[in-house]
Amino acid sequence: MSPGDLDKWSQAGVGLLQKGIQVKCPSCGYLLAGERFCPKCGSEIIYPGETKKDLIRSARLAKAYRSSAKLEKAGNDMSQSGCQLMGCVGFIVLIIVLFLLL
């Protein structure tokens, strides 16, 4: 589970599953595997030991993680474009210098 999945999966719910503790949806009885929302009825799930604040914090962290991943990609794209541009500029400067020397 990556930080970007915190709004879809519960760390507490996944931990309970890993310990062999089964948790069912309180609305429909569906056996959960750590999902934040019941796949059958769509109810929001709060696992034992969690609070509503935990859900809000998880959603904010997931959103921040996804935003940072987008910013990182944009930065990498700009860096590649800059390197390509500098390669062209360097070549043009070299041609001008050679032209001036001749």
PDB file of N, CA and C in Angstrom:
ATOM      1  N   MET A   1       0.857  -1.175   0.000  1.00  0.00           N
ATOM      2  CA  MET A   1       0.000   0.000   0.000  1.00  0.00           C
ATOM      3  C   MET A   1       0.901   1.235   0.000  1.00  0.00           C
ATOM      4  N   SER A   2       0.725   2.077  -0.993  1.00  0.00           N
ATOM      5  CA  SER A   2       1.522   3.293  -1.080  1.00  0.00           C
ATOM      6  C   SER A   2       0.795   4.439  -0.368  1.00  0.00           C
ATOM      7  N   PRO A   3       1.526   5.519  -0.052  1.00  0.00           N
ATOM      8  CA  PRO A   3       0.869   6.662   0.600  1.00  0.00           C
ATOM      9  C   PRO A   3      -0.265   7.248  -0.229  1.00  0.00           C
ATOM     10  N   GLY A   4      -0.210   7.082  -1.544  1.00  0.00           N
ATOM     11  CA  GLY A   4      -1.281   7.585  -2.403  1.00  0.00           C
ATOM     12  C   GLY A   4      -2.571   6.797  -2.299  1.00  0.00           C
ATOM     13  N   ASP A   5      -2.536   5.643  -1.633  1.00  0.00           N
ATOM     14  CA  ASP A   5      -3.725   4.800  -1.478  1.00  0.00           C
ATOM     15  C   ASP A   5      -4.390   4.953  -0.112  1.00  0.00           C
ATOM     16  N   LEU A   6      -3.928   5.888   0.700  1.00  0.00           N
ATOM     17  CA  LEU A   6      -4.450   6.015   2.059  1.00  0.00           C
ATOM     18  C   LEU A   6      -5.928   6.374   2.106  1.00  0.00           C
ATOM     19  N   ASP A   7      -6.458   6.960   1.035  1.00  0.00           N
ATOM     20  CA  ASP A   7      -7.884   7.276   1.031  1.00  0.00           C
ATOM     21  C   ASP A   7      -8.723   6.111   0.514  1.00  0.00           C
ATOM     22  N   LYS A   8      -8.075   5.045   0.052  1.00  0.00           N
ATOM     23  CA  LYS A   8      -8.790   3.863  -0.437  1.00  0.00           C
ATOM     24  C   LYS A   8      -8.660   2.675   0.517  1.00  0.00           C
ATOM     25  N   TRP A   9      -7.548   2.637   1.243  1.00  0.00           N
ATOM     26  CA  TRP A   9      -7.263   1.515   2.142  1.00  0.00           C
ATOM     27  C   TRP A   9      -6.930   2.041   3.533  1.00  0.00           C
ATOM     28  N   SER A  10      -7.273   1.274   4.535  1.00  0.00           N
ATOM     29  CA  SER A  10      -6.998   1.630   5.917  1.00  0.00           C
ATOM     30  C   SER A  10      -5.797   0.839   6.420  1.00  0.00           C
ATOM     31  N   GLN A  11      -4.816   1.543   6.977  1.00  0.00           N
ATOM     32  CA  GLN A  11      -3.668   0.845   7.559  1.00  0.00           C
ATOM     33  C   GLN A  11      -4.127  -0.042   8.709  1.00  0.00           C
ATOM     34  N   ALA A  12      -5.061   0.450   9.504  1.00  0.00           N
ATOM     35  CA  ALA A  12      -5.587  -0.340  10.624  1.00  0.00           C
ATOM     36  C   ALA A  12      -6.330  -1.568  10.106  1.00  0.00           C
ATOM     37  N   GLY A  13      -7.119  -1.397   9.043  1.00  0.00           N
ATOM     38  CA  GLY A  13      -7.871  -2.509   8.471  1.00  0.00           C
ATOM     39  C   GLY A  13      -6.970  -3.575   7.878  1.00  0.00           C
ATOM     40  N   VAL A  14      -5.938  -3.147   7.170  1.00  0.00           N
ATOM     41  CA  VAL A  14      -4.974  -4.090   6.594  1.00  0.00           C
ATOM     42  C   VAL A  14      -4.219  -4.798   7.716  1.00  0.00           C
ATOM     43  N   GLY A  15      -3.875  -4.043   8.765  1.00  0.00           N
ATOM     44  CA  GLY A  15      -3.189  -4.644   9.912  1.00  0.00           C
ATOM     45  C   GLY A  15      -4.029  -5.710  10.595  1.00  0.00           C
ATOM     46  N   LEU A  16      -5.318  -5.440  10.748  1.00  0.00           N
ATOM     47  CA  LEU A  16      -6.214  -6.434  11.347  1.00  0.00           C
ATOM     48  C   LEU A  16      -6.283  -7.692  10.488  1.00  0.00           C
ATOM     49  N   LEU A  17      -6.362  -7.515   9.184  1.00  0.00           N
ATOM     50  CA  LEU A  17      -6.420  -8.650   8.268  1.00  0.00           C
ATOM     51  C   LEU A  17      -5.137  -9.484   8.370  1.00  0.00           C
ATOM     52  N   GLN A  18      -3.983  -8.804   8.454  1.00  0.00           N
ATOM     53  CA  GLN A  18      -2.708  -9.518   8.566  1.00  0.00           C
ATOM     54  C   GLN A  18      -2.609 -10.299   9.876  1.00  0.00           C
ATOM     55  N   LYS A  19      -3.305  -9.831  10.896  1.00  0.00           N
ATOM     56  CA  LYS A  19      -3.324 -10.539  12.180  1.00  0.00           C
ATOM     57  C   LYS A  19      -4.362 -11.662  12.195  1.00  0.00           C
ATOM     58  N   GLY A  20      -5.103 -11.797  11.106  1.00  0.00           N
ATOM     59  CA  GLY A  20      -6.111 -12.840  11.016  1.00  0.00           C
ATOM     60  C   GLY A  20      -7.462 -12.448  11.587  1.00  0.00           C
ATOM     61  N   ILE A  21      -7.647 -11.169  11.878  1.00  0.00           N
ATOM     62  CA  ILE A  21      -8.916 -10.679  12.426  1.00  0.00           C
ATOM     63  C   ILE A  21      -9.813 -10.260  11.269  1.00  0.00           C
ATOM     64  N   GLN A  22     -10.980 -10.877  11.189  1.00  0.00           N
ATOM     65  CA  GLN A  22     -11.921 -10.548  10.123  1.00  0.00           C
ATOM     66  C   GLN A  22     -12.831  -9.412  10.565  1.00  0.00           C
ATOM     67  N   VAL A  23     -12.991  -8.457   9.656  1.00  0.00           N
ATOM     68  CA  VAL A  23     -13.879  -7.327   9.918  1.00  0.00           C
ATOM     69  C   VAL A  23     -14.930  -7.310   8.818  1.00  0.00           C
ATOM     70  N   LYS A  24     -16.177  -7.170   9.229  1.00  0.00           N
ATOM     71  CA  LYS A  24     -17.280  -7.123   8.263  1.00  0.00           C
ATOM     72  C   LYS A  24     -17.875  -5.723   8.232  1.00  0.00           C
ATOM     73  N   CYS A  25     -18.423  -5.384   7.088  1.00  0.00           N
ATOM     74  CA  CYS A  25     -19.108  -4.101   6.932  1.00  0.00           C
ATOM     75  C   CYS A  25     -20.296  -4.069   7.890  1.00  0.00           C
ATOM     76  N   PRO A  26     -20.412  -3.013   8.685  1.00  0.00           N
ATOM     77  CA  PRO A  26     -21.529  -2.937   9.623  1.00  0.00           C
ATOM     78  C   PRO A  26     -22.891  -2.774   8.931  1.00  0.00           C
ATOM     79  N   SER A  27     -22.888  -2.328   7.678  1.00  0.00           N
ATOM     80  CA  SER A  27     -24.149  -2.124   6.962  1.00  0.00           C
ATOM     81  C   SER A  27     -24.661  -3.381   6.264  1.00  0.00           C
ATOM     82  N   CYS A  28     -23.743  -4.087   5.568  1.00  0.00           N
ATOM     83  CA  CYS A  28     -24.203  -5.223   4.753  1.00  0.00           C
ATOM     84  C   CYS A  28     -23.565  -6.562   5.130  1.00  0.00           C
ATOM     85  N   GLY A  29     -22.540  -6.541   5.993  1.00  0.00           N
ATOM     86  CA  GLY A  29     -21.900  -7.782   6.425  1.00  0.00           C
ATOM     87  C   GLY A  29     -20.826  -8.306   5.491  1.00  0.00           C
ATOM     88  N   TYR A  30     -20.448  -7.540   4.477  1.00  0.00           N
ATOM     89  CA  TYR A  30     -19.408  -7.953   3.532  1.00  0.00           C
ATOM     90  C   TYR A  30     -18.071  -8.084   4.268  1.00  0.00           C
ATOM     91  N   LEU A  31     -17.328  -9.154   3.977  1.00  0.00           N
ATOM     92  CA  LEU A  31     -16.030  -9.384   4.601  1.00  0.00           C
ATOM     93  C   LEU A  31     -15.001  -8.450   3.970  1.00  0.00           C
ATOM     94  N   LEU A  32     -14.417  -7.587   4.779  1.00  0.00           N
ATOM     95  CA  LEU A  32     -13.507  -6.545   4.292  1.00  0.00           C
ATOM     96  C   LEU A  32     -12.053  -7.000   4.345  1.00  0.00           C
ATOM     97  N   ALA A  33     -11.238  -6.377   3.503  1.00  0.00           N
ATOM     98  CA  ALA A  33      -9.799  -6.676   3.461  1.00  0.00           C
ATOM     99  C   ALA A  33      -8.983  -5.421   3.720  1.00  0.00           C
ATOM    100  N   GLY A  34      -9.578  -4.434   4.388  1.00  0.00           N
ATOM    101  CA  GLY A  34      -8.873  -3.189   4.675  1.00  0.00           C
ATOM    102  C   GLY A  34      -9.358  -2.015   3.853  1.00  0.00           C
ATOM    103  N   GLU A  35     -10.394  -2.215   3.052  1.00  0.00           N
ATOM    104  CA  GLU A  35     -10.912  -1.135   2.219  1.00  0.00           C
ATOM    105  C   GLU A  35     -11.460  -0.002   3.081  1.00  0.00           C
ATOM    106  N   ARG A  36     -11.321   1.211   2.570  1.00  0.00           N
ATOM    107  CA  ARG A  36     -11.853   2.386   3.261  1.00  0.00           C
ATOM    108  C   ARG A  36     -13.365   2.483   3.068  1.00  0.00           C
ATOM    109  N   PHE A  37     -13.853   1.987   1.915  1.00  0.00           N
ATOM    110  CA  PHE A  37     -15.282   1.959   1.615  1.00  0.00           C
ATOM    111  C   PHE A  37     -15.655   0.529   1.238  1.00  0.00           C
ATOM    112  N   CYS A  38     -16.818   0.091   1.682  1.00  0.00           N
ATOM    113  CA  CYS A  38     -17.285  -1.265   1.397  1.00  0.00           C
ATOM    114  C   CYS A  38     -17.486  -1.426  -0.113  1.00  0.00           C
ATOM    115  N   PRO A  39     -16.866  -2.450  -0.721  1.00  0.00           N
ATOM    116  CA  PRO A  39     -17.031  -2.660  -2.161  1.00  0.00           C
ATOM    117  C   PRO A  39     -18.455  -3.072  -2.551  1.00  0.00           C
ATOM    118  N   LYS A  40     -19.210  -3.596  -1.600  1.00  0.00           N
ATOM    119  CA  LYS A  40     -20.562  -4.077  -1.904  1.00  0.00           C
ATOM    120  C   LYS A  40     -21.607  -2.969  -1.785  1.00  0.00           C
ATOM    121  N   CYS A  41     -21.597  -2.247  -0.654  1.00  0.00           N
ATOM    122  CA  CYS A  41     -22.655  -1.244  -0.438  1.00  0.00           C
ATOM    123  C   CYS A  41     -22.152   0.196  -0.464  1.00  0.00           C
ATOM    124  N   GLY A  42     -20.826   0.390  -0.439  1.00  0.00           N
ATOM    125  CA  GLY A  42     -20.266   1.734  -0.521  1.00  0.00           C
ATOM    126  C   GLY A  42     -20.177   2.489   0.799  1.00  0.00           C
ATOM    127  N   SER A  43     -20.507   1.833   1.911  1.00  0.00           N
ATOM    128  CA  SER A  43     -20.443   2.502   3.218  1.00  0.00           C
ATOM    129  C   SER A  43     -19.002   2.832   3.592  1.00  0.00           C
ATOM    130  N   GLU A  44     -18.816   3.990   4.213  1.00  0.00           N
ATOM    131  CA  GLU A  44     -17.492   4.350   4.720  1.00  0.00           C
ATOM    132  C   GLU A  44     -17.194   3.475   5.940  1.00  0.00           C
ATOM    133  N   ILE A  45     -16.005   2.913   5.987  1.00  0.00           N
ATOM    134  CA  ILE A  45     -15.635   1.992   7.055  1.00  0.00           C
ATOM    135  C   ILE A  45     -14.656   2.666   8.004  1.00  0.00           C
ATOM    136  N   ILE A  46     -14.973   2.625   9.279  1.00  0.00           N
ATOM    137  CA  ILE A  46     -14.057   3.071  10.324  1.00  0.00           C
ATOM    138  C   ILE A  46     -13.696   1.822  11.130  1.00  0.00           C
ATOM    139  N   TYR A  47     -12.445   1.432  11.057  1.00  0.00           N
ATOM    140  CA  TYR A  47     -11.984   0.211  11.716  1.00  0.00           C
ATOM    141  C   TYR A  47     -11.756   0.450  13.205  1.00  0.00           C
ATOM    142  N   PRO A  48     -11.765  -0.619  13.998  1.00  0.00           N
ATOM    143  CA  PRO A  48     -11.487  -0.469  15.436  1.00  0.00           C
ATOM    144  C   PRO A  48     -10.143   0.231  15.649  1.00  0.00           C
ATOM    145  N   GLY A  49     -10.150   1.242  16.489  1.00  0.00           N
ATOM    146  CA  GLY A  49      -8.931   2.011  16.761  1.00  0.00           C
ATOM    147  C   GLY A  49      -8.795   3.255  15.907  1.00  0.00           C
ATOM    148  N   GLU A  50      -9.678   3.438  14.929  1.00  0.00           N
ATOM    149  CA  GLU A  50      -9.636   4.625  14.078  1.00  0.00           C
ATOM    150  C   GLU A  50     -10.710   5.622  14.510  1.00  0.00           C
ATOM    151  N   THR A  51     -10.489   6.871  14.137  1.00  0.00           N
ATOM    152  CA  THR A  51     -11.485   7.914  14.371  1.00  0.00           C
ATOM    153  C   THR A  51     -11.766   8.627  13.048  1.00  0.00           C
ATOM    154  N   LYS A  52     -12.759   9.475  13.052  1.00  0.00           N
ATOM    155  CA  LYS A  52     -13.075  10.266  11.860  1.00  0.00           C
ATOM    156  C   LYS A  52     -11.887  11.154  11.479  1.00  0.00           C
ATOM    157  N   LYS A  53     -11.147  11.638  12.496  1.00  0.00           N
ATOM    158  CA  LYS A  53      -9.953  12.453  12.223  1.00  0.00           C
ATOM    159  C   LYS A  53      -8.915  11.649  11.445  1.00  0.00           C
ATOM    160  N   ASP A  54      -8.782  10.354  11.758  1.00  0.00           N
ATOM    161  CA  ASP A  54      -7.844   9.499  11.034  1.00  0.00           C
ATOM    162  C   ASP A  54      -8.215   9.410   9.560  1.00  0.00           C
ATOM    163  N   LEU A  55      -9.513   9.322   9.274  1.00  0.00           N
ATOM    164  CA  LEU A  55      -9.968   9.252   7.886  1.00  0.00           C
ATOM    165  C   LEU A  55      -9.628  10.541   7.138  1.00  0.00           C
ATOM    166  N   ILE A  56      -9.863  11.664   7.789  1.00  0.00           N
ATOM    167  CA  ILE A  56      -9.574  12.963   7.171  1.00  0.00           C
ATOM    168  C   ILE A  56      -8.075  13.106   6.935  1.00  0.00           C
ATOM    169  N   ARG A  57      -7.273  12.727   7.917  1.00  0.00           N
ATOM    170  CA  ARG A  57      -5.817  12.811   7.798  1.00  0.00           C
ATOM    171  C   ARG A  57      -5.327  11.908   6.656  1.00  0.00           C
ATOM    172  N   SER A  58      -5.862  10.709   6.570  1.00  0.00           N
ATOM    173  CA  SER A  58      -5.460   9.778   5.511  1.00  0.00           C
ATOM    174  C   SER A  58      -5.800  10.336   4.132  1.00  0.00           C
ATOM    175  N   ALA A  59      -6.978  10.927   4.008  1.00  0.00           N
ATOM    176  CA  ALA A  59      -7.380  11.513   2.727  1.00  0.00           C
ATOM    177  C   ALA A  59      -6.465  12.670   2.351  1.00  0.00           C
ATOM    178  N   ARG A  60      -6.111  13.501   3.322  1.00  0.00           N
ATOM    179  CA  ARG A  60      -5.212  14.633   3.045  1.00  0.00           C
ATOM    180  C   ARG A  60      -3.821  14.150   2.657  1.00  0.00           C
ATOM    181  N   LEU A  61      -3.309  13.142   3.356  1.00  0.00           N
ATOM    182  CA  LEU A  61      -1.985  12.603   3.030  1.00  0.00           C
ATOM    183  C   LEU A  61      -1.965  11.993   1.635  1.00  0.00           C
ATOM    184  N   ALA A  62      -3.026  11.263   1.294  1.00  0.00           N
ATOM    185  CA  ALA A  62      -3.100  10.653  -0.038  1.00  0.00           C
ATOM    186  C   ALA A  62      -3.115  11.731  -1.119  1.00  0.00           C
ATOM    187  N   LYS A  63      -3.888  12.787  -0.883  1.00  0.00           N
ATOM    188  CA  LYS A  63      -3.971  13.881  -1.862  1.00  0.00           C
ATOM    189  C   LYS A  63      -2.622  14.587  -1.992  1.00  0.00           C
ATOM    190  N   ALA A  64      -1.959  14.831  -0.873  1.00  0.00           N
ATOM    191  CA  ALA A  64      -0.646  15.489  -0.902  1.00  0.00           C
ATOM    192  C   ALA A  64       0.379  14.619  -1.619  1.00  0.00           C
ATOM    193  N   TYR A  65       0.331  13.304  -1.384  1.00  0.00           N
ATOM    194  CA  TYR A  65       1.272  12.403  -2.036  1.00  0.00           C
ATOM    195  C   TYR A  65       1.064  12.409  -3.548  1.00  0.00           C
ATOM    196  N   ARG A  66      -0.198  12.341  -3.972  1.00  0.00           N
ATOM    197  CA  ARG A  66      -0.466  12.354  -5.409  1.00  0.00           C
ATOM    198  C   ARG A  66      -0.051  13.688  -6.031  1.00  0.00           C
ATOM    199  N   SER A  67      -0.265  14.794  -5.315  1.00  0.00           N
ATOM    200  CA  SER A  67       0.137  16.111  -5.821  1.00  0.00           C
ATOM    201  C   SER A  67       1.653  16.193  -5.948  1.00  0.00           C
ATOM    202  N   SER A  68       2.371  15.666  -4.956  1.00  0.00           N
ATOM    203  CA  SER A  68       3.834  15.717  -5.015  1.00  0.00           C
ATOM    204  C   SER A  68       4.357  14.858  -6.157  1.00  0.00           C
ATOM    205  N   ALA A  69       3.698  13.738  -6.439  1.00  0.00           N
ATOM    206  CA  ALA A  69       4.117  12.891  -7.554  1.00  0.00           C
ATOM    207  C   ALA A  69       3.917  13.632  -8.878  1.00  0.00           C
ATOM    208  N   LYS A  70       2.810  14.385  -9.000  1.00  0.00           N
ATOM    209  CA  LYS A  70       2.571  15.159 -10.218  1.00  0.00           C
ATOM    210  C   LYS A  70       3.620  16.265 -10.367  1.00  0.00           C
ATOM    211  N   LEU A  71       3.950  16.932  -9.251  1.00  0.00           N
ATOM    212  CA  LEU A  71       4.956  17.992  -9.295  1.00  0.00           C
ATOM    213  C   LEU A  71       6.324  17.426  -9.665  1.00  0.00           C
ATOM    214  N   GLU A  72       6.648  16.254  -9.131  1.00  0.00           N
ATOM    215  CA  GLU A  72       7.929  15.630  -9.449  1.00  0.00           C
ATOM    216  C   GLU A  72       8.006  15.310 -10.938  1.00  0.00           C
ATOM    217  N   LYS A  73       6.920  14.778 -11.497  1.00  0.00           N
ATOM    218  CA  LYS A  73       6.896  14.461 -12.926  1.00  0.00           C
ATOM    219  C   LYS A  73       7.054  15.735 -13.757  1.00  0.00           C
ATOM    220  N   ALA A  74       6.343  16.791 -13.366  1.00  0.00           N
ATOM    221  CA  ALA A  74       6.449  18.057 -14.100  1.00  0.00           C
ATOM    222  C   ALA A  74       7.874  18.600 -14.034  1.00  0.00           C
ATOM    223  N   GLY A  75       8.491  18.514 -12.858  1.00  0.00           N
ATOM    224  CA  GLY A  75       9.868  18.977 -12.703  1.00  0.00           C
ATOM    225  C   GLY A  75      10.834  18.183 -13.556  1.00  0.00           C
ATOM    226  N   ASN A  76      10.647  16.866 -13.596  1.00  0.00           N
ATOM    227  CA  ASN A  76      11.515  16.027 -14.429  1.00  0.00           C
ATOM    228  C   ASN A  76      11.339  16.351 -15.908  1.00  0.00           C
ATOM    229  N   ASP A  77      10.084  16.569 -16.323  1.00  0.00           N
ATOM    230  CA  ASP A  77       9.827  16.931 -17.724  1.00  0.00           C
ATOM    231  C   ASP A  77      10.488  18.256 -18.072  1.00  0.00           C
ATOM    232  N   MET A  78      10.386  19.237 -17.162  1.00  0.00           N
ATOM    233  CA  MET A  78      11.001  20.543 -17.411  1.00  0.00           C
ATOM    234  C   MET A  78      12.520  20.422 -17.451  1.00  0.00           C
ATOM    235  N   SER A  79      13.081  19.579 -16.595  1.00  0.00           N
ATOM    236  CA  SER A  79      14.522  19.387 -16.567  1.00  0.00           C
ATOM    237  C   SER A  79      15.011  18.790 -17.881  1.00  0.00           C
ATOM    238  N   GLN A  80      14.273  17.803 -18.388  1.00  0.00           N
ATOM    239  CA  GLN A  80      14.652  17.196 -19.668  1.00  0.00           C
ATOM    240  C   GLN A  80      14.550  18.210 -20.800  1.00  0.00           C
ATOM    241  N   SER A  81      13.497  19.016 -20.780  1.00  0.00           N
ATOM    242  CA  SER A  81      13.334  20.038 -21.819  1.00  0.00           C
ATOM    243  C   SER A  81      14.467  21.052 -21.745  1.00  0.00           C
ATOM    244  N   GLY A  82      14.836  21.426 -20.533  1.00  0.00           N
ATOM    245  CA  GLY A  82      15.930  22.383 -20.344  1.00  0.00           C
ATOM    246  C   GLY A  82      17.244  21.837 -20.852  1.00  0.00           C
ATOM    247  N   CYS A  83      17.512  20.570 -20.599  1.00  0.00           N
ATOM    248  CA  CYS A  83      18.747  19.956 -21.083  1.00  0.00           C
ATOM    249  C   CYS A  83      18.767  19.910 -22.601  1.00  0.00           C
ATOM    250  N   GLN A  84      17.620  19.592 -23.199  1.00  0.00           N
ATOM    251  CA  GLN A  84      17.549  19.562 -24.655  1.00  0.00           C
ATOM    252  C   GLN A  84      17.766  20.962 -25.219  1.00  0.00           C
ATOM    253  N   LEU A  85      17.165  21.959 -24.579  1.00  0.00           N
ATOM    254  CA  LEU A  85      17.312  23.336 -25.033  1.00  0.00           C
ATOM    255  C   LEU A  85      18.760  23.790 -24.890  1.00  0.00           C
ATOM    256  N   MET A  86      19.380  23.473 -23.767  1.00  0.00           N
ATOM    257  CA  MET A  86      20.774  23.874 -23.558  1.00  0.00           C
ATOM    258  C   MET A  86      21.687  23.190 -24.571  1.00  0.00           C
ATOM    259  N   GLY A  87      21.342  21.981 -24.960  1.00  0.00           N
ATOM    260  CA  GLY A  87      22.132  21.304 -25.986  1.00  0.00           C
ATOM    261  C   GLY A  87      22.073  22.063 -27.299  1.00  0.00           C
ATOM    262  N   CYS A  88      20.915  22.564 -27.668  1.00  0.00           N
ATOM    263  CA  CYS A  88      20.753  23.345 -28.899  1.00  0.00           C
ATOM    264  C   CYS A  88      21.477  24.682 -28.782  1.00  0.00           C
ATOM    265  N   VAL A  89      21.328  25.339 -27.655  1.00  0.00           N
ATOM    266  CA  VAL A  89      21.976  26.637 -27.453  1.00  0.00           C
ATOM    267  C   VAL A  89      23.487  26.489 -27.506  1.00  0.00           C
ATOM    268  N   GLY A  90      23.996  25.445 -26.869  1.00  0.00           N
ATOM    269  CA  GLY A  90      25.446  25.206 -26.896  1.00  0.00           C
ATOM    270  C   GLY A  90      25.954  25.010 -28.311  1.00  0.00           C
ATOM    271  N   PHE A  91      25.220  24.282 -29.117  1.00  0.00           N
ATOM    272  CA  PHE A  91      25.607  24.044 -30.505  1.00  0.00           C
ATOM    273  C   PHE A  91      25.601  25.347 -31.297  1.00  0.00           C
ATOM    274  N   ILE A  92      24.587  26.186 -31.091  1.00  0.00           N
ATOM    275  CA  ILE A  92      24.496  27.470 -31.797  1.00  0.00           C
ATOM    276  C   ILE A  92      25.642  28.387 -31.391  1.00  0.00           C
ATOM    277  N   VAL A  93      25.957  28.431 -30.100  1.00  0.00           N
ATOM    278  CA  VAL A  93      27.079  29.253 -29.626  1.00  0.00           C
ATOM    279  C   VAL A  93      28.375  28.773 -30.260  1.00  0.00           C
ATOM    280  N   LEU A  94      28.555  27.474 -30.353  1.00  0.00           N
ATOM    281  CA  LEU A  94      29.762  26.921 -30.969  1.00  0.00           C
ATOM    282  C   LEU A  94      29.863  27.349 -32.428  1.00  0.00           C
ATOM    283  N   ILE A  95      28.767  27.328 -33.156  1.00  0.00           N
ATOM    284  CA  ILE A  95      28.772  27.744 -34.565  1.00  0.00           C
ATOM    285  C   ILE A  95      29.119  29.223 -34.676  1.00  0.00           C
ATOM    286  N   ILE A  96      28.558  30.056 -33.798  1.00  0.00           N
ATOM    287  CA  ILE A  96      28.849  31.505 -33.827  1.00  0.00           C
ATOM    288  C   ILE A  96      30.315  31.755 -33.532  1.00  0.00           C
ATOM    289  N   VAL A  97      30.863  31.067 -32.534  1.00  0.00           N
ATOM    290  CA  VAL A  97      32.280  31.251 -32.192  1.00  0.00           C
ATOM    291  C   VAL A  97      33.167  30.834 -33.359  1.00  0.00           C
ATOM    292  N   LEU A  98      32.855  29.695 -33.970  1.00  0.00           N
ATOM    293  CA  LEU A  98      33.629  29.258 -35.126  1.00  0.00           C
ATOM    294  C   LEU A  98      33.515  30.240 -36.279  1.00  0.00           C
ATOM    295  N   PHE A  99      32.324  30.793 -36.482  1.00  0.00           N
ATOM    296  CA  PHE A  99      32.121  31.771 -37.544  1.00  0.00           C
ATOM    297  C   PHE A  99      32.966  33.035 -37.294  1.00  0.00           C
ATOM    298  N   LEU A 100      33.020  33.444 -36.019  1.00  0.00           N
ATOM    299  CA  LEU A 100      33.770  34.661 -35.684  1.00  0.00           C
ATOM    300  C   LEU A 100      35.286  34.425 -35.824  1.00  0.00           C
ATOM    301  N   LEU A 101      35.731  33.215 -35.580  1.00  0.00           N
ATOM    302  CA  LEU A 101      37.157  32.895 -35.682  1.00  0.00           C
ATOM    303  C   LEU A 101      37.611  32.800 -37.123  1.00  0.00           C
ATOM    304  N   LEU A 102      36.696  32.504 -38.015  1.00  0.00           N
ATOM    305  CA  LEU A 102      37.086  32.365 -39.423  1.00  0.00           C
ATOM    306  C   LEU A 102      37.062  33.646 -40.117  1.00  0.00           C
TER     307      LEU A 102
END
